[in-house]
Amino acid sequence: MVHIVATLPFRVTWIDEREAEFPETLPQGVNKLVSDDPVGEIAQMPPNSYYLVMTHNHQLDFDLAKAIIKRGDSAYFGMIGSLTKRKKFDFRLAQRGFNQDEINTMTCPIGIGAVTGKHPAEIAVSVAGELISHYQGNPIEQKRPAHSRQELDQAAKRPLKG
């Protein structure tokens, strides 16, 4: 993903707690930030930043989502995951006092809906396509179905997957 996004007109800051996750050589223009507090790093990002949340941990994803939404100034906020994860996060965010407009600033799943492959390169190209579409001023595809209260309650009880 970072190899493709680095070729676009972005300044990329890749944040991770795990030093070993970074390759030995990063693409030009990519800033590596090893941090014990990725959530705390959100406060240091410039206004109108694009955020891609793609961590190894659902709780970290949720904590990052809260921090990004609380800022209220993201140009784009996307998170990798399934519709089930999205529904569960929507419910949990609403329980914590976020309103629907705030919750709707999160795009999940990310990527162009017509690209359904699961290979890492397919996902990367799909997400890059969505980012390009967004910065070119096109609306982001709405991938989130309407939720009934019953659906939200059921989603909150299911374990998270992907």
N, C-alpha and C. Protein backbone atom coordinates (compact mmCIF):
# COMPACT_ATOMS: atom_id res chain seq x y z
N MET A 1 0.82 -1.19 0.00
CA MET A 1 0.00 0.00 0.00
C MET A 1 0.87 1.26 0.00
N VAL A 2 1.86 1.30 0.88
CA VAL A 2 2.67 2.51 1.01
C VAL A 2 3.45 2.81 -0.28
N HIS A 3 3.84 1.77 -1.01
CA HIS A 3 4.57 1.98 -2.26
C HIS A 3 3.70 2.71 -3.29
N ILE A 4 2.43 2.38 -3.34
CA ILE A 4 1.53 3.03 -4.29
C ILE A 4 1.18 4.44 -3.81
N VAL A 5 0.78 4.57 -2.56
CA VAL A 5 0.37 5.87 -2.02
C VAL A 5 1.53 6.87 -2.07
N ALA A 6 2.76 6.39 -1.91
CA ALA A 6 3.92 7.28 -1.95
C ALA A 6 4.10 7.93 -3.32
N THR A 7 3.53 7.34 -4.36
CA THR A 7 3.65 7.92 -5.70
C THR A 7 2.59 9.00 -5.96
N LEU A 8 1.64 9.13 -5.04
CA LEU A 8 0.57 10.12 -5.18
C LEU A 8 0.97 11.42 -4.48
N PRO A 9 0.23 12.50 -4.71
CA PRO A 9 0.61 13.79 -4.11
C PRO A 9 0.26 13.88 -2.62
N PHE A 10 0.88 13.02 -1.83
CA PHE A 10 0.71 13.01 -0.37
C PHE A 10 2.08 13.04 0.29
N ARG A 11 2.13 13.60 1.48
CA ARG A 11 3.28 13.41 2.37
C ARG A 11 2.84 12.29 3.32
N VAL A 12 3.50 11.16 3.26
CA VAL A 12 3.07 9.97 3.99
C VAL A 12 3.86 9.85 5.30
N THR A 13 3.12 9.72 6.39
CA THR A 13 3.72 9.36 7.68
C THR A 13 3.16 8.01 8.06
N TRP A 14 4.03 7.02 8.12
CA TRP A 14 3.64 5.65 8.47
C TRP A 14 3.96 5.48 9.95
N ILE A 15 2.91 5.27 10.74
CA ILE A 15 3.06 5.15 12.19
C ILE A 15 2.79 3.71 12.60
N ASP A 16 3.69 3.16 13.40
CA ASP A 16 3.48 1.81 13.93
C ASP A 16 4.26 1.70 15.23
N GLU A 17 3.75 0.87 16.12
CA GLU A 17 4.43 0.59 17.39
C GLU A 17 5.58 -0.39 17.19
N ARG A 18 5.54 -1.14 16.11
CA ARG A 18 6.43 -2.27 15.91
C ARG A 18 7.50 -1.93 14.87
N GLU A 19 8.68 -1.68 15.33
CA GLU A 19 9.81 -1.34 14.45
C GLU A 19 10.01 -2.37 13.36
N ALA A 20 9.81 -3.64 13.70
CA ALA A 20 10.07 -4.73 12.75
C ALA A 20 9.10 -4.73 11.56
N GLU A 21 8.01 -4.00 11.63
CA GLU A 21 7.04 -3.96 10.54
C GLU A 21 7.49 -3.10 9.36
N PHE A 22 8.47 -2.24 9.60
CA PHE A 22 8.95 -1.36 8.54
C PHE A 22 9.99 -2.08 7.70
N PRO A 23 9.90 -1.94 6.39
CA PRO A 23 10.96 -2.52 5.56
C PRO A 23 12.26 -1.74 5.75
N GLU A 24 13.35 -2.36 5.35
CA GLU A 24 14.65 -1.71 5.49
C GLU A 24 14.72 -0.40 4.70
N THR A 25 14.09 -0.40 3.54
CA THR A 25 14.08 0.80 2.69
C THR A 25 12.64 1.22 2.44
N LEU A 26 12.36 2.48 2.70
CA LEU A 26 11.04 3.03 2.45
C LEU A 26 11.04 3.83 1.15
N PRO A 27 9.90 3.92 0.49
CA PRO A 27 9.83 4.76 -0.71
C PRO A 27 10.17 6.22 -0.37
N GLN A 28 10.67 6.93 -1.34
CA GLN A 28 11.00 8.33 -1.16
C GLN A 28 9.75 9.10 -0.71
N GLY A 29 9.93 9.98 0.26
CA GLY A 29 8.84 10.81 0.74
C GLY A 29 8.01 10.18 1.85
N VAL A 30 8.34 8.97 2.27
CA VAL A 30 7.61 8.32 3.35
C VAL A 30 8.39 8.50 4.65
N ASN A 31 7.72 9.07 5.63
CA ASN A 31 8.31 9.28 6.95
C ASN A 31 7.91 8.14 7.87
N LYS A 32 8.88 7.45 8.42
CA LYS A 32 8.65 6.35 9.36
C LYS A 32 8.58 6.92 10.77
N LEU A 33 7.54 6.54 11.52
CA LEU A 33 7.39 7.00 12.90
C LEU A 33 7.06 5.81 13.78
N VAL A 34 8.06 5.35 14.54
CA VAL A 34 7.85 4.28 15.51
C VAL A 34 7.40 4.97 16.80
N SER A 35 6.21 4.57 17.28
CA SER A 35 5.64 5.24 18.44
C SER A 35 4.98 4.23 19.36
N ASP A 36 5.23 4.40 20.65
CA ASP A 36 4.53 3.59 21.64
C ASP A 36 3.09 4.04 21.82
N ASP A 37 2.75 5.19 21.22
CA ASP A 37 1.41 5.76 21.37
C ASP A 37 0.86 6.26 20.04
N PRO A 38 0.50 5.34 19.13
CA PRO A 38 -0.03 5.78 17.84
C PRO A 38 -1.26 6.68 17.98
N VAL A 39 -2.10 6.41 18.96
CA VAL A 39 -3.30 7.22 19.17
C VAL A 39 -2.91 8.65 19.52
N GLY A 40 -1.90 8.80 20.37
CA GLY A 40 -1.43 10.13 20.75
C GLY A 40 -0.83 10.89 19.58
N GLU A 41 -0.32 10.19 18.60
CA GLU A 41 0.29 10.83 17.42
C GLU A 41 -0.76 11.55 16.57
N ILE A 42 -2.02 11.16 16.68
CA ILE A 42 -3.09 11.79 15.89
C ILE A 42 -3.14 13.29 16.18
N ALA A 43 -2.91 13.68 17.42
CA ALA A 43 -2.95 15.10 17.78
C ALA A 43 -1.88 15.92 17.07
N GLN A 44 -0.81 15.27 16.62
CA GLN A 44 0.30 15.97 15.97
C GLN A 44 0.13 16.13 14.47
N MET A 45 -0.88 15.50 13.91
CA MET A 45 -1.07 15.55 12.46
C MET A 45 -1.67 16.90 12.04
N PRO A 46 -1.32 17.38 10.85
CA PRO A 46 -1.86 18.67 10.41
C PRO A 46 -3.36 18.57 10.10
N PRO A 47 -4.06 19.70 10.17
CA PRO A 47 -5.48 19.69 9.79
C PRO A 47 -5.63 19.22 8.34
N ASN A 48 -6.79 18.69 8.03
CA ASN A 48 -7.13 18.21 6.69
C ASN A 48 -6.25 17.05 6.23
N SER A 49 -5.77 16.27 7.17
CA SER A 49 -4.98 15.09 6.84
C SER A 49 -5.90 13.98 6.32
N TYR A 50 -5.29 13.10 5.53
CA TYR A 50 -5.93 11.85 5.12
C TYR A 50 -5.41 10.79 6.09
N TYR A 51 -6.30 9.98 6.63
CA TYR A 51 -5.92 8.91 7.55
C TYR A 51 -6.34 7.57 6.96
N LEU A 52 -5.41 6.63 6.95
CA LEU A 52 -5.71 5.24 6.62
C LEU A 52 -5.35 4.41 7.84
N VAL A 53 -6.33 3.78 8.44
CA VAL A 53 -6.10 2.95 9.62
C VAL A 53 -6.11 1.50 9.17
N MET A 54 -4.95 0.86 9.34
CA MET A 54 -4.78 -0.52 8.88
C MET A 54 -3.89 -1.24 9.89
N THR A 55 -4.37 -1.41 11.11
CA THR A 55 -3.53 -1.99 12.14
C THR A 55 -3.78 -3.49 12.29
N HIS A 56 -3.06 -4.05 13.22
CA HIS A 56 -3.12 -5.47 13.55
C HIS A 56 -4.09 -5.76 14.70
N ASN A 57 -4.79 -4.72 15.19
CA ASN A 57 -5.52 -4.85 16.45
C ASN A 57 -6.83 -4.05 16.38
N HIS A 58 -7.96 -4.72 16.57
CA HIS A 58 -9.25 -4.04 16.48
C HIS A 58 -9.42 -2.96 17.54
N GLN A 59 -8.92 -3.19 18.74
CA GLN A 59 -9.06 -2.17 19.78
C GLN A 59 -8.24 -0.94 19.43
N LEU A 60 -7.05 -1.13 18.90
CA LEU A 60 -6.24 0.00 18.44
C LEU A 60 -6.96 0.72 17.31
N ASP A 61 -7.55 -0.02 16.38
CA ASP A 61 -8.35 0.59 15.31
C ASP A 61 -9.43 1.49 15.91
N PHE A 62 -10.14 0.97 16.91
CA PHE A 62 -11.24 1.72 17.52
C PHE A 62 -10.72 2.97 18.23
N ASP A 63 -9.63 2.83 18.95
CA ASP A 63 -9.06 3.99 19.65
C ASP A 63 -8.58 5.05 18.66
N LEU A 64 -7.99 4.62 17.56
CA LEU A 64 -7.59 5.57 16.51
C LEU A 64 -8.81 6.24 15.90
N ALA A 65 -9.86 5.46 15.66
CA ALA A 65 -11.10 6.03 15.10
C ALA A 65 -11.64 7.13 16.01
N LYS A 66 -11.70 6.87 17.31
CA LYS A 66 -12.20 7.88 18.24
C LYS A 66 -11.34 9.15 18.18
N ALA A 67 -10.03 8.99 18.16
CA ALA A 67 -9.13 10.15 18.15
C ALA A 67 -9.27 10.95 16.85
N ILE A 68 -9.37 10.27 15.73
CA ILE A 68 -9.49 10.95 14.43
C ILE A 68 -10.83 11.67 14.35
N ILE A 69 -11.90 11.01 14.74
CA ILE A 69 -13.22 11.63 14.68
C ILE A 69 -13.30 12.81 15.65
N LYS A 70 -12.75 12.67 16.85
CA LYS A 70 -12.76 13.78 17.82
C LYS A 70 -12.09 15.02 17.27
N ARG A 71 -11.02 14.85 16.49
CA ARG A 71 -10.35 16.01 15.90
C ARG A 71 -11.30 16.82 15.04
N GLY A 72 -12.14 16.12 14.27
CA GLY A 72 -13.14 16.79 13.46
C GLY A 72 -12.61 17.54 12.25
N ASP A 73 -11.37 17.25 11.83
CA ASP A 73 -10.81 18.02 10.72
C ASP A 73 -10.11 17.16 9.68
N SER A 74 -10.48 15.89 9.60
CA SER A 74 -9.83 15.04 8.59
C SER A 74 -10.41 15.33 7.21
N ALA A 75 -9.55 15.28 6.21
CA ALA A 75 -10.02 15.39 4.83
C ALA A 75 -10.63 14.06 4.39
N TYR A 76 -10.04 12.96 4.89
CA TYR A 76 -10.49 11.61 4.57
C TYR A 76 -10.06 10.72 5.72
N PHE A 77 -10.95 9.84 6.15
CA PHE A 77 -10.62 8.87 7.18
C PHE A 77 -11.16 7.52 6.75
N GLY A 78 -10.24 6.62 6.38
CA GLY A 78 -10.62 5.28 5.97
C GLY A 78 -10.01 4.23 6.87
N MET A 79 -10.76 3.15 7.06
CA MET A 79 -10.29 2.04 7.89
C MET A 79 -10.55 0.73 7.16
N ILE A 80 -9.54 -0.11 7.14
CA ILE A 80 -9.69 -1.43 6.53
C ILE A 80 -10.61 -2.27 7.41
N GLY A 81 -11.46 -3.06 6.78
CA GLY A 81 -12.34 -3.93 7.54
C GLY A 81 -13.57 -4.31 6.74
N SER A 82 -14.39 -5.10 7.37
CA SER A 82 -15.61 -5.61 6.76
C SER A 82 -16.80 -4.73 7.14
N LEU A 83 -17.94 -4.99 6.51
CA LEU A 83 -19.17 -4.30 6.92
C LEU A 83 -19.56 -4.68 8.34
N THR A 84 -19.28 -5.90 8.75
CA THR A 84 -19.57 -6.31 10.12
C THR A 84 -18.75 -5.47 11.10
N LYS A 85 -17.48 -5.29 10.82
CA LYS A 85 -16.64 -4.44 11.67
C LYS A 85 -17.20 -3.03 11.69
N ARG A 86 -17.59 -2.53 10.52
CA ARG A 86 -18.15 -1.18 10.43
C ARG A 86 -19.38 -1.04 11.32
N LYS A 87 -20.29 -1.99 11.22
CA LYS A 87 -21.52 -1.92 12.02
C LYS A 87 -21.20 -1.92 13.51
N LYS A 88 -20.27 -2.77 13.91
CA LYS A 88 -19.91 -2.83 15.33
C LYS A 88 -19.27 -1.52 15.78
N PHE A 89 -18.37 -0.98 14.96
CA PHE A 89 -17.74 0.30 15.31
C PHE A 89 -18.78 1.43 15.35
N ASP A 90 -19.70 1.45 14.40
CA ASP A 90 -20.76 2.47 14.40
C ASP A 90 -21.51 2.42 15.74
N PHE A 91 -21.88 1.23 16.14
CA PHE A 91 -22.62 1.07 17.39
C PHE A 91 -21.80 1.52 18.59
N ARG A 92 -20.55 1.09 18.66
CA ARG A 92 -19.69 1.45 19.79
C ARG A 92 -19.41 2.95 19.84
N LEU A 93 -19.23 3.56 18.68
CA LEU A 93 -19.01 5.01 18.64
C LEU A 93 -20.26 5.75 19.11
N ALA A 94 -21.42 5.30 18.66
CA ALA A 94 -22.68 5.93 19.10
C ALA A 94 -22.85 5.79 20.61
N GLN A 95 -22.48 4.64 21.17
CA GLN A 95 -22.56 4.43 22.61
C GLN A 95 -21.67 5.41 23.37
N ARG A 96 -20.62 5.87 22.73
CA ARG A 96 -19.67 6.78 23.38
C ARG A 96 -19.97 8.25 23.06
N GLY A 97 -21.15 8.50 22.51
CA GLY A 97 -21.60 9.86 22.34
C GLY A 97 -21.32 10.52 21.01
N PHE A 98 -20.75 9.79 20.06
CA PHE A 98 -20.53 10.36 18.73
C PHE A 98 -21.86 10.37 17.98
N ASN A 99 -22.13 11.49 17.28
CA ASN A 99 -23.38 11.54 16.51
C ASN A 99 -23.16 10.92 15.13
N GLN A 100 -24.26 10.71 14.42
CA GLN A 100 -24.18 9.99 13.14
C GLN A 100 -23.33 10.74 12.12
N ASP A 101 -23.40 12.07 12.10
CA ASP A 101 -22.56 12.82 11.16
C ASP A 101 -21.08 12.60 11.44
N GLU A 102 -20.71 12.57 12.71
CA GLU A 102 -19.31 12.31 13.07
C GLU A 102 -18.91 10.89 12.67
N ILE A 103 -19.75 9.93 12.99
CA ILE A 103 -19.47 8.53 12.66
C ILE A 103 -19.34 8.36 11.15
N ASN A 104 -20.14 9.07 10.39
CA ASN A 104 -20.12 8.94 8.94
C ASN A 104 -18.87 9.51 8.30
N THR A 105 -18.01 10.18 9.07
CA THR A 105 -16.75 10.64 8.49
C THR A 105 -15.78 9.48 8.28
N MET A 106 -16.07 8.32 8.87
CA MET A 106 -15.23 7.13 8.71
C MET A 106 -15.72 6.33 7.50
N THR A 107 -14.80 6.04 6.59
CA THR A 107 -15.08 5.18 5.45
C THR A 107 -14.55 3.78 5.78
N CYS A 108 -15.45 2.82 5.84
CA CYS A 108 -15.08 1.43 6.13
C CYS A 108 -16.20 0.57 5.59
N PRO A 109 -15.90 -0.38 4.77
CA PRO A 109 -14.58 -0.76 4.26
C PRO A 109 -14.03 0.32 3.32
N ILE A 110 -12.73 0.26 3.10
CA ILE A 110 -12.07 1.20 2.21
C ILE A 110 -11.89 0.55 0.84
N GLY A 111 -11.72 1.40 -0.14
CA GLY A 111 -11.45 0.91 -1.49
C GLY A 111 -12.66 1.03 -2.39
N ILE A 112 -12.40 0.88 -3.67
CA ILE A 112 -13.44 0.95 -4.68
C ILE A 112 -14.24 -0.35 -4.66
N GLY A 113 -15.53 -0.24 -4.51
CA GLY A 113 -16.40 -1.41 -4.36
C GLY A 113 -16.34 -2.40 -5.51
N ALA A 114 -16.09 -1.91 -6.71
CA ALA A 114 -16.04 -2.79 -7.89
C ALA A 114 -14.81 -3.69 -7.89
N VAL A 115 -13.80 -3.34 -7.10
CA VAL A 115 -12.59 -4.17 -6.99
C VAL A 115 -12.78 -5.05 -5.76
N THR A 116 -13.10 -6.32 -6.01
CA THR A 116 -13.47 -7.21 -4.90
C THR A 116 -12.40 -8.21 -4.52
N GLY A 117 -11.26 -8.16 -5.18
CA GLY A 117 -10.20 -9.12 -4.89
C GLY A 117 -9.61 -8.94 -3.49
N LYS A 118 -8.99 -9.97 -3.00
CA LYS A 118 -8.41 -9.97 -1.65
C LYS A 118 -6.89 -10.00 -1.66
N HIS A 119 -6.27 -10.04 -2.82
CA HIS A 119 -4.81 -10.01 -2.88
C HIS A 119 -4.32 -8.64 -2.41
N PRO A 120 -3.22 -8.58 -1.69
CA PRO A 120 -2.73 -7.29 -1.18
C PRO A 120 -2.59 -6.22 -2.26
N ALA A 121 -2.11 -6.58 -3.44
CA ALA A 121 -1.96 -5.59 -4.51
C ALA A 121 -3.32 -5.08 -4.98
N GLU A 122 -4.31 -5.95 -5.05
CA GLU A 122 -5.66 -5.53 -5.44
C GLU A 122 -6.24 -4.56 -4.42
N ILE A 123 -6.07 -4.87 -3.16
CA ILE A 123 -6.56 -3.99 -2.10
C ILE A 123 -5.84 -2.64 -2.18
N ALA A 124 -4.53 -2.66 -2.35
CA ALA A 124 -3.75 -1.42 -2.42
C ALA A 124 -4.20 -0.55 -3.58
N VAL A 125 -4.39 -1.13 -4.74
CA VAL A 125 -4.82 -0.36 -5.91
C VAL A 125 -6.23 0.17 -5.70
N SER A 126 -7.10 -0.64 -5.13
CA SER A 126 -8.47 -0.21 -4.85
C SER A 126 -8.51 0.98 -3.89
N VAL A 127 -7.73 0.89 -2.82
CA VAL A 127 -7.69 1.99 -1.84
C VAL A 127 -7.06 3.23 -2.46
N ALA A 128 -5.98 3.05 -3.21
CA ALA A 128 -5.35 4.19 -3.89
C ALA A 128 -6.35 4.84 -4.84
N GLY A 129 -7.13 4.05 -5.53
CA GLY A 129 -8.15 4.60 -6.42
C GLY A 129 -9.17 5.44 -5.67
N GLU A 130 -9.57 4.98 -4.50
CA GLU A 130 -10.51 5.75 -3.69
C GLU A 130 -9.88 7.07 -3.23
N LEU A 131 -8.62 7.03 -2.82
CA LEU A 131 -7.93 8.26 -2.40
C LEU A 131 -7.83 9.24 -3.57
N ILE A 132 -7.48 8.74 -4.73
CA ILE A 132 -7.39 9.60 -5.93
C ILE A 132 -8.75 10.23 -6.22
N SER A 133 -9.79 9.42 -6.22
CA SER A 133 -11.12 9.93 -6.48
C SER A 133 -11.48 11.03 -5.48
N HIS A 134 -11.14 10.82 -4.23
CA HIS A 134 -11.48 11.81 -3.20
C HIS A 134 -10.73 13.11 -3.42
N TYR A 135 -9.41 13.05 -3.61
CA TYR A 135 -8.69 14.32 -3.74
C TYR A 135 -8.99 15.01 -5.06
N GLN A 136 -9.54 14.29 -6.03
CA GLN A 136 -9.98 14.92 -7.26
C GLN A 136 -11.37 15.54 -7.13
N GLY A 137 -11.96 15.38 -5.95
CA GLY A 137 -13.24 16.03 -5.67
C GLY A 137 -14.47 15.20 -5.95
N ASN A 138 -14.29 13.92 -6.21
CA ASN A 138 -15.43 13.04 -6.44
C ASN A 138 -15.93 12.49 -5.12
N PRO A 139 -17.24 12.30 -4.98
CA PRO A 139 -17.76 11.76 -3.72
C PRO A 139 -17.30 10.32 -3.51
N ILE A 140 -17.07 9.98 -2.25
CA ILE A 140 -16.68 8.62 -1.89
C ILE A 140 -17.91 7.72 -1.97
N GLU A 141 -17.72 6.56 -2.54
CA GLU A 141 -18.78 5.56 -2.66
C GLU A 141 -19.31 5.21 -1.27
N GLN A 142 -20.61 5.23 -1.11
CA GLN A 142 -21.23 4.89 0.17
C GLN A 142 -21.35 3.37 0.25
N LYS A 143 -20.58 2.77 1.14
CA LYS A 143 -20.58 1.30 1.27
C LYS A 143 -21.30 0.84 2.52
N ARG A 144 -21.85 1.77 3.25
CA ARG A 144 -22.45 1.46 4.54
C ARG A 144 -23.97 1.36 4.37
N PRO A 145 -24.54 0.19 4.66
CA PRO A 145 -26.00 0.09 4.58
C PRO A 145 -26.66 0.82 5.75
N ALA A 146 -27.92 1.16 5.58
CA ALA A 146 -28.68 1.75 6.69
C ALA A 146 -28.81 0.71 7.79
N HIS A 147 -28.75 1.16 9.04
CA HIS A 147 -28.83 0.25 10.17
C HIS A 147 -30.13 0.45 10.93
N SER A 148 -30.77 -0.64 11.27
CA SER A 148 -31.88 -0.56 12.20
C SER A 148 -31.30 -0.76 13.60
N ARG A 149 -32.03 -0.39 14.61
CA ARG A 149 -31.57 -0.58 16.00
C ARG A 149 -31.29 -2.06 16.24
N GLN A 150 -32.14 -2.95 15.72
CA GLN A 150 -31.96 -4.38 15.90
C GLN A 150 -30.64 -4.83 15.25
N GLU A 151 -30.35 -4.34 14.04
CA GLU A 151 -29.10 -4.69 13.37
C GLU A 151 -27.89 -4.23 14.16
N LEU A 152 -27.97 -3.02 14.70
CA LEU A 152 -26.84 -2.51 15.50
C LEU A 152 -26.64 -3.36 16.74
N ASP A 153 -27.73 -3.75 17.40
CA ASP A 153 -27.62 -4.59 18.59
C ASP A 153 -27.02 -5.95 18.25
N GLN A 154 -27.45 -6.53 17.12
CA GLN A 154 -26.91 -7.82 16.70
C GLN A 154 -25.44 -7.71 16.33
N ALA A 155 -25.08 -6.65 15.63
CA ALA A 155 -23.68 -6.45 15.24
C ALA A 155 -22.79 -6.29 16.45
N ALA A 156 -23.29 -5.63 17.47
CA ALA A 156 -22.48 -5.40 18.67
C ALA A 156 -22.19 -6.70 19.41
N LYS A 157 -23.02 -7.71 19.20
CA LYS A 157 -22.83 -8.99 19.90
C LYS A 157 -21.93 -9.95 19.14
N ARG A 158 -21.73 -9.71 17.84
CA ARG A 158 -20.90 -10.60 17.03
C ARG A 158 -19.44 -10.29 17.23
N PRO A 159 -18.59 -11.30 17.21
CA PRO A 159 -17.15 -11.03 17.28
C PRO A 159 -16.67 -10.36 16.00
N LEU A 160 -15.65 -9.52 16.13
CA LEU A 160 -15.09 -8.83 14.97
C LEU A 160 -14.27 -9.77 14.13
N LYS A 161 -14.36 -9.61 12.82
CA LYS A 161 -13.52 -10.35 11.88
C LYS A 161 -13.03 -9.37 10.86
N GLY A 162 -11.72 -9.44 10.53
CA GLY A 162 -11.13 -8.64 9.46
C GLY A 162 -11.53 -7.27 9.36
